[in-house]
C-alpha atoms as a PDB file:
ATOM      1  CA  MET A   1     -53.231  41.875   3.601  1.00  0.00           C
ATOM      2  CA  SER A   2     -51.778  44.344   1.093  1.00  0.00           C
ATOM      3  CA  ILE A   3     -52.520  47.217   3.467  1.00  0.00           C
ATOM      4  CA  ILE A   4     -50.523  45.511   6.230  1.00  0.00           C
ATOM      5  CA  VAL A   5     -47.585  44.824   3.900  1.00  0.00           C
ATOM      6  CA  THR A   6     -47.612  48.403   2.653  1.00  0.00           C
ATOM      7  CA  SER A   7     -47.683  49.678   6.210  1.00  0.00           C
ATOM      8  CA  ARG A   8     -44.724  47.519   7.175  1.00  0.00           C
ATOM      9  CA  ARG A   9     -42.770  48.728   4.177  1.00  0.00           C
ATOM     10  CA  GLU A  10     -43.524  52.330   5.025  1.00  0.00           C
ATOM     11  CA  LEU A  11     -42.480  51.796   8.639  1.00  0.00           C
ATOM     12  CA  MET A  12     -39.203  50.181   7.575  1.00  0.00           C
ATOM     13  CA  ARG A  13     -38.540  52.945   5.073  1.00  0.00           C
ATOM     14  CA  GLU A  14     -39.211  55.563   7.752  1.00  0.00           C
ATOM     15  CA  LYS A  15     -36.910  53.743  10.170  1.00  0.00           C
ATOM     16  CA  LEU A  16     -34.090  53.639   7.628  1.00  0.00           C
ATOM     17  CA  LEU A  17     -34.475  57.316   6.761  1.00  0.00           C
ATOM     18  CA  LYS A  18     -34.380  58.253  10.453  1.00  0.00           C
ATOM     19  CA  THR A  19     -31.209  56.197  10.783  1.00  0.00           C
ATOM     20  CA  ILE A  20     -29.601  58.060   7.898  1.00  0.00           C
ATOM     21  CA  TYR A  21     -30.535  61.454   9.342  1.00  0.00           C
ATOM     22  CA  LYS A  22     -29.095  60.360  12.689  1.00  0.00           C
ATOM     23  CA  LEU A  23     -25.801  59.481  10.992  1.00  0.00           C
ATOM     24  CA  LEU A  24     -25.892  62.844   9.211  1.00  0.00           C
ATOM     25  CA  ASN A  25     -25.436  64.477  12.629  1.00  0.00           C
ATOM     26  CA  ASP A  26     -21.845  63.205  12.571  1.00  0.00           C
ATOM     27  CA  ARG A  27     -20.765  63.539   8.936  1.00  0.00           C
ATOM     28  CA  PRO A  28     -21.986  64.273   5.396  1.00  0.00           C
ATOM     29  CA  LEU A  29     -23.910  61.689   3.393  1.00  0.00           C
ATOM     30  CA  THR A  30     -20.972  61.176   1.024  1.00  0.00           C
ATOM     31  CA  GLN A  31     -18.992  59.692   3.933  1.00  0.00           C
ATOM     32  CA  ILE A  32     -21.740  57.283   5.042  1.00  0.00           C
ATOM     33  CA  THR A  33     -21.736  53.738   3.636  1.00  0.00           C
ATOM     34  CA  ILE A  34     -24.557  51.251   3.097  1.00  0.00           C
ATOM     35  CA  GLU A  35     -22.871  48.980   5.640  1.00  0.00           C
ATOM     36  CA  GLU A  36     -22.939  51.716   8.311  1.00  0.00           C
ATOM     37  CA  ILE A  37     -26.619  52.423   7.691  1.00  0.00           C
ATOM     38  CA  ALA A  38     -27.423  48.715   7.962  1.00  0.00           C
ATOM     39  CA  GLU A  39     -25.414  48.298  11.171  1.00  0.00           C
ATOM     40  CA  GLU A  40     -26.937  51.373  12.821  1.00  0.00           C
ATOM     41  CA  ALA A  41     -30.486  50.294  11.868  1.00  0.00           C
ATOM     42  CA  GLY A  42     -29.857  46.669  12.853  1.00  0.00           C
ATOM     43  CA  VAL A  43     -30.835  45.290   9.446  1.00  0.00           C
ATOM     44  CA  SER A  44     -29.087  43.598   6.522  1.00  0.00           C
ATOM     45  CA  ARG A  45     -27.669  45.403   3.499  1.00  0.00           C
ATOM     46  CA  GLN A  46     -30.288  43.636   1.395  1.00  0.00           C
ATOM     47  CA  THR A  47     -32.994  45.361   3.452  1.00  0.00           C
ATOM     48  CA  ILE A  48     -31.438  48.734   2.646  1.00  0.00           C
ATOM     49  CA  TYR A  49     -31.341  47.943  -1.073  1.00  0.00           C
ATOM     50  CA  ARG A  50     -34.915  46.619  -1.027  1.00  0.00           C
ATOM     51  CA  HIS A  51     -36.434  49.683   0.631  1.00  0.00           C
ATOM     52  CA  LEU A  52     -34.150  52.549  -0.443  1.00  0.00           C
ATOM     53  CA  GLY A  53     -32.084  51.279  -3.371  1.00  0.00           C
ATOM     54  CA  ASN A  54     -28.336  51.743  -3.821  1.00  0.00           C
ATOM     55  CA  LYS A  55     -26.158  54.586  -2.533  1.00  0.00           C
ATOM     56  CA  SER A  56     -26.941  56.730  -5.563  1.00  0.00           C
ATOM     57  CA  ASN A  57     -30.683  56.308  -4.962  1.00  0.00           C
ATOM     58  CA  ILE A  58     -30.256  57.219  -1.310  1.00  0.00           C
ATOM     59  CA  GLU A  59     -28.285  60.358  -2.184  1.00  0.00           C
ATOM     60  CA  GLN A  60     -30.978  61.419  -4.647  1.00  0.00           C
ATOM     61  CA  LEU A  61     -33.659  60.739  -2.044  1.00  0.00           C
ATOM     62  CA  ILE A  62     -31.924  62.721   0.702  1.00  0.00           C
ATOM     63  CA  ASN A  63     -30.807  65.542  -1.583  1.00  0.00           C
ATOM     64  CA  GLY A  64     -34.293  65.726  -3.078  1.00  0.00           C
ATOM     65  CA  ASP A  65     -35.664  66.303   0.392  1.00  0.00           C
ATOM     66  CA  LYS A  66     -33.469  69.382   0.672  1.00  0.00           C
ATOM     67  CA  HIS A  67     -35.863  71.236  -1.576  1.00  0.00           C
ATOM     68  CA  ASN A  68     -38.321  71.068   1.283  1.00  0.00           C
ATOM     69  CA  LYS A  69     -37.767  73.968   3.684  1.00  0.00           C
ATOM     70  CA  LEU A  70     -38.182  71.858   6.809  1.00  0.00           C
ATOM     71  CA  ASP A  71     -35.591  69.354   5.605  1.00  0.00           C
ATOM     72  CA  THR A  72     -33.320  72.205   4.582  1.00  0.00           C
ATOM     73  CA  ARG A  73     -33.407  73.548   8.134  1.00  0.00           C
ATOM     74  CA  SER A  74     -32.741  70.060   9.497  1.00  0.00           C
ATOM     75  CA  GLU A  75     -29.684  69.673   7.277  1.00  0.00           C
ATOM     76  CA  ILE A  76     -28.433  73.131   8.255  1.00  0.00           C
ATOM     77  CA  LEU A  77     -28.841  72.284  11.946  1.00  0.00           C
ATOM     78  CA  ALA A  78     -27.015  68.974  11.535  1.00  0.00           C
ATOM     79  CA  SER A  79     -24.218  70.710   9.635  1.00  0.00           C
ATOM     80  CA  ALA A  80     -24.032  73.487  12.230  1.00  0.00           C
ATOM     81  CA  TYR A  81     -23.604  70.923  14.967  1.00  0.00           C
ATOM     82  CA  ARG A  82     -20.703  69.312  13.105  1.00  0.00           C
ATOM     83  CA  ILE A  83     -19.057  72.700  12.495  1.00  0.00           C
ATOM     84  CA  PHE A  84     -19.514  73.821  16.123  1.00  0.00           C
ATOM     85  CA  SER A  85     -18.068  70.502  17.292  1.00  0.00           C
ATOM     86  CA  ARG A  86     -15.094  70.824  14.966  1.00  0.00           C
ATOM     87  CA  PHE A  87     -14.137  74.473  15.466  1.00  0.00           C
ATOM     88  CA  GLY A  88     -16.018  75.651  18.549  1.00  0.00           C
ATOM     89  CA  PHE A  89     -18.855  78.160  18.543  1.00  0.00           C
ATOM     90  CA  SER A  90     -16.777  81.346  18.511  1.00  0.00           C
ATOM     91  CA  GLN A  91     -14.581  80.198  15.604  1.00  0.00           C
ATOM     92  CA  SER A  92     -17.474  79.003  13.441  1.00  0.00           C
ATOM     93  CA  SER A  93     -19.409  80.977  10.842  1.00  0.00           C
ATOM     94  CA  LEU A  94     -22.612  80.600   8.868  1.00  0.00           C
ATOM     95  CA  GLU A  95     -20.460  80.450   5.728  1.00  0.00           C
ATOM     96  CA  GLN A  96     -18.777  77.309   7.085  1.00  0.00           C
ATOM     97  CA  VAL A  97     -22.175  75.848   7.918  1.00  0.00           C
ATOM     98  CA  ALA A  98     -23.403  76.560   4.373  1.00  0.00           C
ATOM     99  CA  HIS A  99     -20.358  74.848   2.857  1.00  0.00           C
ATOM    100  CA  GLU A 100     -20.753  71.816   5.139  1.00  0.00           C
ATOM    101  CA  ALA A 101     -24.442  71.495   4.244  1.00  0.00           C
ATOM    102  CA  GLY A 102     -23.830  71.935   0.524  1.00  0.00           C
ATOM    103  CA  PHE A 103     -26.069  75.006   0.337  1.00  0.00           C
ATOM    104  CA  SER A 104     -25.482  78.573  -0.737  1.00  0.00           C
ATOM    105  CA  LYS A 105     -24.963  81.226   1.937  1.00  0.00           C
ATOM    106  CA  GLY A 106     -28.292  82.699   0.880  1.00  0.00           C
ATOM    107  CA  ALA A 107     -30.083  79.452   1.720  1.00  0.00           C
ATOM    108  CA  VAL A 108     -28.618  79.473   5.221  1.00  0.00           C
ATOM    109  CA  TYR A 109     -29.293  83.160   5.838  1.00  0.00           C
ATOM    110  CA  GLY A 110     -32.797  82.643   4.483  1.00  0.00           C
ATOM    111  CA  ASN A 111     -33.446  80.250   7.365  1.00  0.00           C
ATOM    112  CA  PHE A 112     -31.349  81.800  10.132  1.00  0.00           C
ATOM    113  CA  LYS A 113     -30.518  85.478  10.499  1.00  0.00           C
ATOM    114  CA  SER A 114     -27.507  84.874  12.732  1.00  0.00           C
ATOM    115  CA  LYS A 115     -25.314  82.225  14.278  1.00  0.00           C
ATOM    116  CA  GLU A 116     -27.019  82.854  17.625  1.00  0.00           C
ATOM    117  CA  GLU A 117     -30.481  82.276  16.143  1.00  0.00           C
ATOM    118  CA  LEU A 118     -29.275  79.002  14.647  1.00  0.00           C
ATOM    119  CA  PHE A 119     -27.841  77.963  18.002  1.00  0.00           C
ATOM    120  CA  ILE A 120     -31.110  78.728  19.795  1.00  0.00           C
ATOM    121  CA  GLU A 121     -32.987  76.368  17.482  1.00  0.00           C
ATOM    122  CA  LEU A 122     -30.235  73.784  17.900  1.00  0.00           C
ATOM    123  CA  ILE A 123     -30.717  73.988  21.674  1.00  0.00           C
ATOM    124  CA  ASP A 124     -34.463  73.426  21.215  1.00  0.00           C
ATOM    125  CA  LEU A 125     -33.789  70.362  19.084  1.00  0.00           C
ATOM    126  CA  ARG A 126     -31.270  68.878  21.518  1.00  0.00           C
ATOM    127  CA  LEU A 127     -33.597  69.534  24.461  1.00  0.00           C
ATOM    128  CA  GLN A 128     -36.425  67.655  22.753  1.00  0.00           C
ATOM    129  CA  GLN A 129     -34.119  64.720  22.036  1.00  0.00           C
ATOM    130  CA  GLN A 130     -32.748  64.690  25.583  1.00  0.00           C
ATOM    131  CA  VAL A 131     -36.148  64.873  27.265  1.00  0.00           C
ATOM    132  CA  THR A 132     -37.512  62.090  25.039  1.00  0.00           C
ATOM    133  CA  PHE A 133     -34.520  59.866  25.750  1.00  0.00           C
ATOM    134  CA  LEU A 134     -34.363  60.452  29.497  1.00  0.00           C
ATOM    135  CA  SER A 135     -38.133  60.228  30.007  1.00  0.00           C
ATOM    136  CA  GLY A 136     -38.182  56.778  28.464  1.00  0.00           C
ATOM    137  CA  GLU A 137     -35.267  55.612  30.598  1.00  0.00           C
ATOM    138  CA  MET A 138     -36.797  57.028  33.788  1.00  0.00           C
ATOM    139  CA  GLU A 139     -39.819  54.754  33.339  1.00  0.00           C
ATOM    140  CA  ASN A 140     -37.485  51.748  33.454  1.00  0.00           C
ATOM    141  CA  ILE A 141     -35.892  52.992  36.686  1.00  0.00           C
ATOM    142  CA  MET A 142     -39.246  53.360  38.437  1.00  0.00           C
ATOM    143  CA  ILE A 143     -39.977  49.639  38.273  1.00  0.00           C
ATOM    144  CA  LEU A 144     -36.784  48.595  40.096  1.00  0.00           C
ATOM    145  CA  ASP A 145     -37.176  47.247  43.647  1.00  0.00           C
ATOM    146  CA  ASN A 146     -33.624  48.129  44.711  1.00  0.00           C
ATOM    147  CA  PRO A 147     -33.426  51.925  45.321  1.00  0.00           C
ATOM    148  CA  GLU A 148     -29.623  52.011  45.265  1.00  0.00           C
ATOM    149  CA  GLU A 149     -29.641  50.258  41.908  1.00  0.00           C
ATOM    150  CA  GLY A 150     -32.225  52.775  40.696  1.00  0.00           C
ATOM    151  CA  LEU A 151     -29.962  55.681  41.679  1.00  0.00           C
ATOM    152  CA  ALA A 152     -26.984  54.027  40.001  1.00  0.00           C
ATOM    153  CA  ASN A 153     -29.001  53.512  36.830  1.00  0.00           C
ATOM    154  CA  PHE A 154     -30.148  57.128  36.896  1.00  0.00           C
ATOM    155  CA  PHE A 155     -26.583  58.435  37.094  1.00  0.00           C
ATOM    156  CA  GLU A 156     -25.413  55.969  34.478  1.00  0.00           C
ATOM    157  CA  ILE A 157     -28.148  57.096  32.083  1.00  0.00           C
ATOM    158  CA  GLN A 158     -27.308  60.776  32.571  1.00  0.00           C
ATOM    159  CA  LEU A 159     -23.566  60.210  32.172  1.00  0.00           C
ATOM    160  CA  LYS A 160     -23.978  57.814  29.254  1.00  0.00           C
ATOM    161  CA  TYR A 161     -26.067  60.410  27.431  1.00  0.00           C
ATOM    162  CA  CYS A 162     -23.200  62.866  27.881  1.00  0.00           C
ATOM    163  CA  GLU A 163     -20.610  60.320  26.721  1.00  0.00           C
ATOM    164  CA  SER A 164     -22.658  59.520  23.630  1.00  0.00           C
ATOM    165  CA  ASP A 165     -22.563  63.189  22.606  1.00  0.00           C
ATOM    166  CA  PRO A 166     -19.281  64.548  24.033  1.00  0.00           C
ATOM    167  CA  SER A 167     -19.136  67.703  21.916  1.00  0.00           C
ATOM    168  CA  TRP A 168     -22.443  69.134  23.114  1.00  0.00           C
ATOM    169  CA  PRO A 169     -21.447  70.076  26.715  1.00  0.00           C
ATOM    170  CA  LYS A 170     -18.330  71.816  25.371  1.00  0.00           C
ATOM    171  CA  ILE A 171     -20.330  73.812  22.832  1.00  0.00           C
ATOM    172  CA  VAL A 172     -22.873  74.882  25.461  1.00  0.00           C
ATOM    173  CA  LEU A 173     -20.154  75.853  27.950  1.00  0.00           C
ATOM    174  CA  GLU A 174     -18.312  77.916  25.354  1.00  0.00           C
ATOM    175  CA  PHE A 175     -21.508  79.652  24.307  1.00  0.00           C
ATOM    176  CA  MET A 176     -22.335  80.518  27.922  1.00  0.00           C
ATOM    177  CA  VAL A 177     -18.905  82.122  28.307  1.00  0.00           C
ATOM    178  CA  HIS A 178     -18.992  84.157  25.103  1.00  0.00           C
ATOM    179  CA  SER A 179     -22.654  85.051  24.712  1.00  0.00           C
ATOM    180  CA  ARG A 180     -24.924  87.377  26.642  1.00  0.00           C
ATOM    181  CA  ASN A 181     -27.939  86.386  24.583  1.00  0.00           C
ATOM    182  CA  GLN A 182     -30.737  86.202  27.140  1.00  0.00           C
ATOM    183  CA  GLU A 183     -32.881  83.929  24.986  1.00  0.00           C
ATOM    184  CA  VAL A 184     -30.114  81.322  24.823  1.00  0.00           C
ATOM    185  CA  LEU A 185     -29.490  81.571  28.554  1.00  0.00           C
ATOM    186  CA  SER A 186     -33.221  81.065  29.116  1.00  0.00           C
ATOM    187  CA  LYS A 187     -33.103  77.892  27.008  1.00  0.00           C
ATOM    188  CA  LEU A 188     -30.199  76.578  29.068  1.00  0.00           C
ATOM    189  CA  ILE A 189     -32.041  77.355  32.302  1.00  0.00           C
ATOM    190  CA  LEU A 190     -35.047  75.496  30.892  1.00  0.00           C
ATOM    191  CA  ALA A 191     -32.853  72.469  30.192  1.00  0.00           C
ATOM    192  CA  GLN A 192     -31.521  72.569  33.743  1.00  0.00           C
ATOM    193  CA  ASN A 193     -35.021  72.853  35.195  1.00  0.00           C
ATOM    194  CA  GLN A 194     -36.240  69.911  33.116  1.00  0.00           C
ATOM    195  CA  THR A 195     -33.416  67.760  34.448  1.00  0.00           C
ATOM    196  CA  LYS A 196     -34.243  68.844  38.001  1.00  0.00           C
ATOM    197  CA  SER A 197     -37.914  68.005  37.457  1.00  0.00           C
ATOM    198  CA  GLN A 198     -36.969  64.510  36.327  1.00  0.00           C
ATOM    199  CA  ILE A 199     -34.829  64.001  39.427  1.00  0.00           C
ATOM    200  CA  VAL A 200     -37.535  65.342  41.745  1.00  0.00           C
ATOM    201  CA  GLY A 201     -40.034  62.991  40.113  1.00  0.00           C
ATOM    202  CA  LEU A 202     -37.740  60.025  40.695  1.00  0.00           C
ATOM    203  CA  LEU A 203     -37.114  61.012  44.324  1.00  0.00           C
ATOM    204  CA  GLN A 204     -40.805  61.630  45.027  1.00  0.00           C
ATOM    205  CA  GLN A 205     -41.654  58.213  43.634  1.00  0.00           C
ATOM    206  CA  MET A 206     -38.985  56.638  45.844  1.00  0.00           C
ATOM    207  CA  ARG A 207     -40.363  58.497  48.878  1.00  0.00           C
ATOM    208  CA  THR A 208     -43.902  57.323  48.098  1.00  0.00           C
ATOM    209  CA  GLU A 209     -42.590  53.758  48.061  1.00  0.00           C
ATOM    210  CA  GLY A 210     -40.904  54.270  51.434  1.00  0.00           C
ATOM    211  CA  LYS A 211     -37.383  54.245  50.028  1.00  0.00           C
ATOM    212  CA  ILE A 212     -36.442  57.795  51.103  1.00  0.00           C
ATOM    213  CA  ALA A 213     -36.906  59.300  54.566  1.00  0.00           C
ATOM    214  CA  ASP A 214     -39.725  61.825  54.968  1.00  0.00           C
ATOM    215  CA  ASP A 215     -37.448  64.437  56.574  1.00  0.00           C
ATOM    216  CA  ILE A 216     -35.148  64.725  53.534  1.00  0.00           C
ATOM    217  CA  ASN A 217     -35.525  67.999  51.615  1.00  0.00           C
ATOM    218  CA  LEU A 218     -35.987  66.761  48.056  1.00  0.00           C
ATOM    219  CA  SER A 219     -35.268  70.177  46.530  1.00  0.00           C
ATOM    220  CA  VAL A 220     -31.886  70.384  48.251  1.00  0.00           C
ATOM    221  CA  LEU A 221     -31.115  66.774  47.347  1.00  0.00           C
ATOM    222  CA  THR A 222     -31.970  67.566  43.729  1.00  0.00           C
ATOM    223  CA  ILE A 223     -29.649  70.597  43.719  1.00  0.00           C
ATOM    224  CA  MET A 224     -26.872  68.428  45.161  1.00  0.00           C
ATOM    225  CA  THR A 225     -27.460  65.776  42.512  1.00  0.00           C
ATOM    226  CA  THR A 226     -27.490  68.162  39.542  1.00  0.00           C
ATOM    227  CA  ALA A 227     -24.424  70.001  40.886  1.00  0.00           C
ATOM    228  CA  LEU A 228     -22.650  66.665  41.151  1.00  0.00           C
ATOM    229  CA  LEU A 229     -23.594  65.771  37.580  1.00  0.00           C
ATOM    230  CA  ASP A 230     -22.530  69.182  36.253  1.00  0.00           C
ATOM    231  CA  GLY A 231     -19.208  68.947  38.086  1.00  0.00           C
ATOM    232  CA  LEU A 232     -18.496  65.465  36.749  1.00  0.00           C
ATOM    233  CA  ILE A 233     -19.292  66.517  33.196  1.00  0.00           C
ATOM    234  CA  MET A 234     -17.128  69.642  33.468  1.00  0.00           C
ATOM    235  CA  ALA A 235     -14.194  67.626  34.861  1.00  0.00           C
ATOM    236  CA  TRP A 236     -14.703  65.050  32.131  1.00  0.00           C
ATOM    237  CA  ASN A 237     -14.487  67.766  29.480  1.00  0.00           C
ATOM    238  CA  LEU A 238     -10.986  68.519  30.761  1.00  0.00           C
ATOM    239  CA  ASN A 239     -10.008  64.845  30.782  1.00  0.00           C
ATOM    240  CA  PRO A 240     -12.280  62.889  28.402  1.00  0.00           C
ATOM    241  CA  ASN A 241     -10.132  59.751  28.734  1.00  0.00           C
ATOM    242  CA  LYS A 242     -12.007  58.987  31.934  1.00  0.00           C
ATOM    243  CA  ILE A 243     -15.136  56.876  31.481  1.00  0.00           C
ATOM    244  CA  LEU A 244     -17.947  58.736  33.228  1.00  0.00           C
ATOM    245  CA  THR A 245     -20.309  55.805  33.661  1.00  0.00           C
ATOM    246  CA  THR A 246     -17.806  53.936  35.852  1.00  0.00           C
ATOM    247  CA  TYR A 247     -18.631  56.417  38.631  1.00  0.00           C
ATOM    248  CA  ALA A 248     -22.352  55.640  38.680  1.00  0.00           C
ATOM    249  CA  GLN A 249     -22.279  52.750  41.173  1.00  0.00           C
ATOM    250  CA  ASP A 250     -19.971  54.531  43.638  1.00  0.00           C
ATOM    251  CA  ILE A 251     -21.977  57.757  43.498  1.00  0.00           C
ATOM    252  CA  ALA A 252     -25.192  55.864  44.199  1.00  0.00           C
ATOM    253  CA  TYR A 253     -23.561  53.968  47.069  1.00  0.00           C
ATOM    254  CA  ILE A 254     -22.250  57.151  48.737  1.00  0.00           C
ATOM    255  CA  LEU A 255     -25.567  58.968  48.298  1.00  0.00           C
ATOM    256  CA  TRP A 256     -27.547  56.042  49.651  1.00  0.00           C
ATOM    257  CA  HIS A 257     -25.301  54.980  52.539  1.00  0.00           C
ATOM    258  CA  GLY A 258     -23.583  58.269  53.413  1.00  0.00           C
ATOM    259  CA  ILE A 259     -19.966  58.739  54.471  1.00  0.00           C
ATOM    260  CA  SER A 260     -20.176  57.876  58.178  1.00  0.00           C
ATOM    261  CA  PRO A 261     -18.167  54.809  59.331  1.00  0.00           C
ATOM    262  CA  ARG A 262     -19.963  51.484  59.134  1.00  0.00           C
ATOM    263  CA  LYS A 263     -20.715  49.889  62.500  1.00  0.00           C
END
């Protein structure tokens, strides 16, 4: 019985710590309240106090982790993302990242030789998060009986992911314009190919179930779909007041039914 209780406590503690690190992607720990941690984790404030202690305890716990190199890199990456979001890639510096993270410049340069190297690792991290998120959502789409609804859900998931992290597309676009770093460009191509693979997988599954005609070129359809998504996201960057996900149903309807007049 004690083993089970201990395990549950460890799982809850791990969940709460992950929640805090997620919030750290947006702002420093000093600006995060117990109430925000509880709301994000879906637990009561008492649960936070029971497993992590008060705000001072949490700060000591998180700051103590910074002595670990892996956690130091994580904090630098989170701080870099906030700085890039705030000032843009070209106007940001490793000195600003160090100040945001609460580290010395030497600590940052000890982990990353340049701003480009830091960005490459940031791309890797974001790719892993995106693939994990979208892969899980794709499994839910596959079980739907209505193919049009499945397409709508797919677009909504893609667009919602963008809306939940609006700064990222802007940072990537700016970097593509200003950088000729081939390694970074390769990472971006990898991200694009992973998205295409997910779409092809969805379309192939729909074809297997008899929901897509056999004479449709799935590769071309995938290119059309990703181009449509990229265009929507780029337009949204210019006018972020528009809500991207409201387009999902109409896009799915047009793709599924075409544009020819109804008889």
